[in-house]
């Protein structure tokens, strides 16, 4: 099973923040009160940097900078 966010995003500030760049599934974003342009700094009380580190254990990337672009 794969899970993707209901929006497009860009990691900024060396991967410490997520900026919502486009809403893909409006219904889910509306339920979560997520709008284009929002800046997300935490998910489930974990910083974005910690989440990137966690996800990095499961994704293949040639280096940490490439992982942030995934």
N, C-alpha and C. Protein backbone atom coordinates (compact mmCIF):
# COMPACT_ATOMS: atom_id res chain seq x y z
N UNK A 1 0.84 -1.17 0.00
CA UNK A 1 0.00 0.00 0.00
C UNK A 1 0.90 1.24 0.00
N UNK A 2 0.53 2.22 -0.77
CA UNK A 2 1.29 3.47 -0.84
C UNK A 2 0.43 4.61 -0.33
N UNK A 3 1.08 5.54 0.33
CA UNK A 3 0.39 6.71 0.86
C UNK A 3 1.07 7.96 0.32
N UNK A 4 0.27 8.86 -0.21
CA UNK A 4 0.78 10.12 -0.73
C UNK A 4 -0.04 11.25 -0.13
N UNK A 5 0.57 12.41 0.04
CA UNK A 5 -0.22 13.54 0.56
C UNK A 5 -1.22 13.99 -0.50
N UNK A 6 -2.34 14.56 -0.07
CA UNK A 6 -3.36 15.01 -1.02
C UNK A 6 -3.02 16.37 -1.64
N UNK A 7 -1.73 16.70 -1.65
CA UNK A 7 -1.29 17.97 -2.20
C UNK A 7 0.15 17.82 -2.70
N UNK A 8 0.51 18.68 -3.65
CA UNK A 8 1.92 18.78 -4.06
C UNK A 8 2.60 19.71 -3.08
N UNK A 9 3.90 19.52 -2.94
CA UNK A 9 4.63 20.32 -1.96
C UNK A 9 6.08 20.48 -2.37
N UNK A 10 6.72 21.39 -1.70
CA UNK A 10 8.16 21.59 -1.87
C UNK A 10 8.77 21.68 -0.47
N UNK A 11 9.87 20.96 -0.27
CA UNK A 11 10.60 21.08 0.98
C UNK A 11 11.49 22.31 0.89
N UNK A 12 11.48 23.13 1.92
CA UNK A 12 12.28 24.34 1.94
C UNK A 12 13.06 24.41 3.25
N UNK A 13 13.96 25.37 3.32
CA UNK A 13 14.74 25.61 4.53
C UNK A 13 15.51 24.35 4.93
N UNK A 14 16.25 23.80 3.94
CA UNK A 14 17.03 22.57 4.14
C UNK A 14 16.18 21.40 4.61
N UNK A 15 14.96 21.32 4.12
CA UNK A 15 14.09 20.20 4.45
C UNK A 15 13.41 20.28 5.79
N UNK A 16 13.38 21.46 6.39
CA UNK A 16 12.75 21.58 7.70
C UNK A 16 11.29 22.05 7.62
N UNK A 17 10.85 22.46 6.44
CA UNK A 17 9.47 22.92 6.27
C UNK A 17 8.92 22.41 4.94
N UNK A 18 7.62 22.21 4.90
CA UNK A 18 6.90 21.83 3.69
C UNK A 18 6.01 23.00 3.30
N UNK A 19 6.08 23.40 2.03
CA UNK A 19 5.18 24.42 1.51
C UNK A 19 4.21 23.73 0.56
N UNK A 20 2.92 23.88 0.79
CA UNK A 20 1.90 23.30 -0.07
C UNK A 20 1.85 24.12 -1.35
N UNK A 21 2.15 23.48 -2.48
CA UNK A 21 2.21 24.21 -3.75
C UNK A 21 0.97 24.01 -4.61
N UNK A 22 0.24 22.91 -4.41
CA UNK A 22 -0.96 22.65 -5.22
C UNK A 22 -1.84 21.64 -4.49
N UNK A 23 -3.12 21.88 -4.50
CA UNK A 23 -4.09 20.95 -3.90
C UNK A 23 -4.44 19.90 -4.95
N UNK A 24 -4.29 18.63 -4.60
CA UNK A 24 -4.60 17.54 -5.53
C UNK A 24 -5.96 16.93 -5.23
N UNK A 25 -6.24 16.69 -3.94
CA UNK A 25 -7.53 16.12 -3.54
C UNK A 25 -8.21 17.12 -2.61
N UNK A 26 -9.02 18.01 -3.20
CA UNK A 26 -9.61 19.10 -2.42
C UNK A 26 -10.40 18.65 -1.20
N UNK A 27 -11.15 17.55 -1.31
CA UNK A 27 -11.99 17.11 -0.20
C UNK A 27 -11.13 16.80 1.05
N UNK A 28 -10.03 16.08 0.85
CA UNK A 28 -9.17 15.72 1.99
C UNK A 28 -8.47 16.95 2.57
N UNK A 29 -8.03 17.83 1.69
CA UNK A 29 -7.36 19.04 2.17
C UNK A 29 -8.33 19.93 2.94
N UNK A 30 -9.57 19.99 2.47
CA UNK A 30 -10.57 20.79 3.17
C UNK A 30 -10.83 20.23 4.57
N UNK A 31 -10.93 18.90 4.67
CA UNK A 31 -11.15 18.26 5.98
C UNK A 31 -10.01 18.57 6.94
N UNK A 32 -8.79 18.65 6.41
CA UNK A 32 -7.61 18.91 7.25
C UNK A 32 -7.27 20.39 7.33
N UNK A 33 -8.08 21.23 6.70
CA UNK A 33 -7.86 22.67 6.66
C UNK A 33 -6.48 23.02 6.10
N UNK A 34 -6.12 22.35 5.00
CA UNK A 34 -4.86 22.60 4.30
C UNK A 34 -5.16 23.39 3.04
N UNK A 35 -4.42 24.48 2.86
CA UNK A 35 -4.61 25.35 1.70
C UNK A 35 -3.29 25.55 0.97
N UNK A 36 -3.39 25.86 -0.31
CA UNK A 36 -2.19 26.18 -1.08
C UNK A 36 -1.47 27.34 -0.41
N UNK A 37 -0.16 27.21 -0.27
CA UNK A 37 0.64 28.25 0.37
C UNK A 37 0.90 27.99 1.85
N UNK A 38 0.17 27.04 2.43
CA UNK A 38 0.42 26.71 3.84
C UNK A 38 1.85 26.22 4.02
N UNK A 39 2.42 26.52 5.18
CA UNK A 39 3.75 26.05 5.56
C UNK A 39 3.55 25.07 6.70
N UNK A 40 4.03 23.84 6.51
CA UNK A 40 3.88 22.79 7.51
C UNK A 40 5.24 22.55 8.16
N UNK A 41 5.27 22.62 9.47
CA UNK A 41 6.54 22.43 10.20
C UNK A 41 6.58 21.13 10.99
N UNK A 42 5.39 20.54 11.29
CA UNK A 42 5.31 19.30 12.07
C UNK A 42 4.22 18.40 11.50
N UNK A 43 4.41 17.09 11.65
CA UNK A 43 3.39 16.10 11.32
C UNK A 43 3.33 15.14 12.50
N UNK A 44 2.17 15.02 13.11
CA UNK A 44 2.00 14.15 14.28
C UNK A 44 3.06 14.44 15.35
N UNK A 45 3.25 15.71 15.63
CA UNK A 45 4.18 16.17 16.66
C UNK A 45 5.64 15.86 16.37
N UNK A 46 5.97 15.54 15.12
CA UNK A 46 7.37 15.33 14.73
C UNK A 46 7.73 16.40 13.71
N UNK A 47 8.94 16.95 13.83
CA UNK A 47 9.37 17.96 12.88
C UNK A 47 9.48 17.35 11.49
N UNK A 48 9.41 18.19 10.48
CA UNK A 48 9.56 17.73 9.10
C UNK A 48 10.93 17.09 8.92
N UNK A 49 11.96 17.67 9.51
CA UNK A 49 13.30 17.09 9.40
C UNK A 49 13.33 15.66 9.93
N UNK A 50 12.68 15.42 11.07
CA UNK A 50 12.62 14.07 11.64
C UNK A 50 11.86 13.13 10.72
N UNK A 51 10.77 13.64 10.13
CA UNK A 51 9.98 12.80 9.19
C UNK A 51 10.81 12.46 7.96
N UNK A 52 11.56 13.42 7.44
CA UNK A 52 12.42 13.15 6.28
C UNK A 52 13.46 12.10 6.64
N UNK A 53 14.03 12.19 7.82
CA UNK A 53 15.01 11.19 8.27
C UNK A 53 14.36 9.81 8.35
N UNK A 54 13.15 9.75 8.90
CA UNK A 54 12.44 8.48 9.02
C UNK A 54 12.14 7.90 7.64
N UNK A 55 11.62 8.72 6.75
CA UNK A 55 11.28 8.26 5.40
C UNK A 55 12.54 7.84 4.66
N UNK A 56 13.65 8.52 4.93
CA UNK A 56 14.91 8.21 4.27
C UNK A 56 15.39 6.80 4.53
N UNK A 57 14.95 6.21 5.64
CA UNK A 57 15.31 4.83 5.93
C UNK A 57 14.65 3.86 4.96
N UNK A 58 13.56 4.28 4.32
CA UNK A 58 12.80 3.40 3.44
C UNK A 58 12.89 3.75 1.96
N UNK A 59 13.42 4.93 1.64
CA UNK A 59 13.53 5.36 0.25
C UNK A 59 14.98 5.35 -0.19
N UNK A 60 15.17 5.04 -1.44
CA UNK A 60 16.52 5.04 -1.98
C UNK A 60 16.82 6.41 -2.58
N UNK A 61 17.93 6.98 -2.16
CA UNK A 61 18.39 8.26 -2.72
C UNK A 61 19.91 8.25 -2.65
N UNK A 62 20.54 8.85 -3.65
CA UNK A 62 21.99 8.82 -3.73
C UNK A 62 22.66 9.64 -2.63
N UNK A 63 21.96 10.64 -2.10
CA UNK A 63 22.51 11.45 -1.01
C UNK A 63 21.36 12.18 -0.32
N UNK A 64 21.58 12.75 0.86
CA UNK A 64 20.49 13.40 1.59
C UNK A 64 19.81 14.52 0.81
N UNK A 65 20.58 15.28 0.02
CA UNK A 65 19.95 16.36 -0.75
C UNK A 65 18.98 15.81 -1.79
N UNK A 66 19.29 14.68 -2.37
CA UNK A 66 18.41 14.08 -3.36
C UNK A 66 17.13 13.60 -2.69
N UNK A 67 17.24 13.08 -1.48
CA UNK A 67 16.05 12.63 -0.75
C UNK A 67 15.08 13.77 -0.55
N UNK A 68 15.59 14.94 -0.24
CA UNK A 68 14.71 16.10 -0.03
C UNK A 68 13.96 16.46 -1.29
N UNK A 69 14.53 16.19 -2.45
CA UNK A 69 13.87 16.50 -3.72
C UNK A 69 12.86 15.44 -4.12
N UNK A 70 12.87 14.26 -3.45
CA UNK A 70 11.96 13.17 -3.81
C UNK A 70 10.55 13.54 -3.47
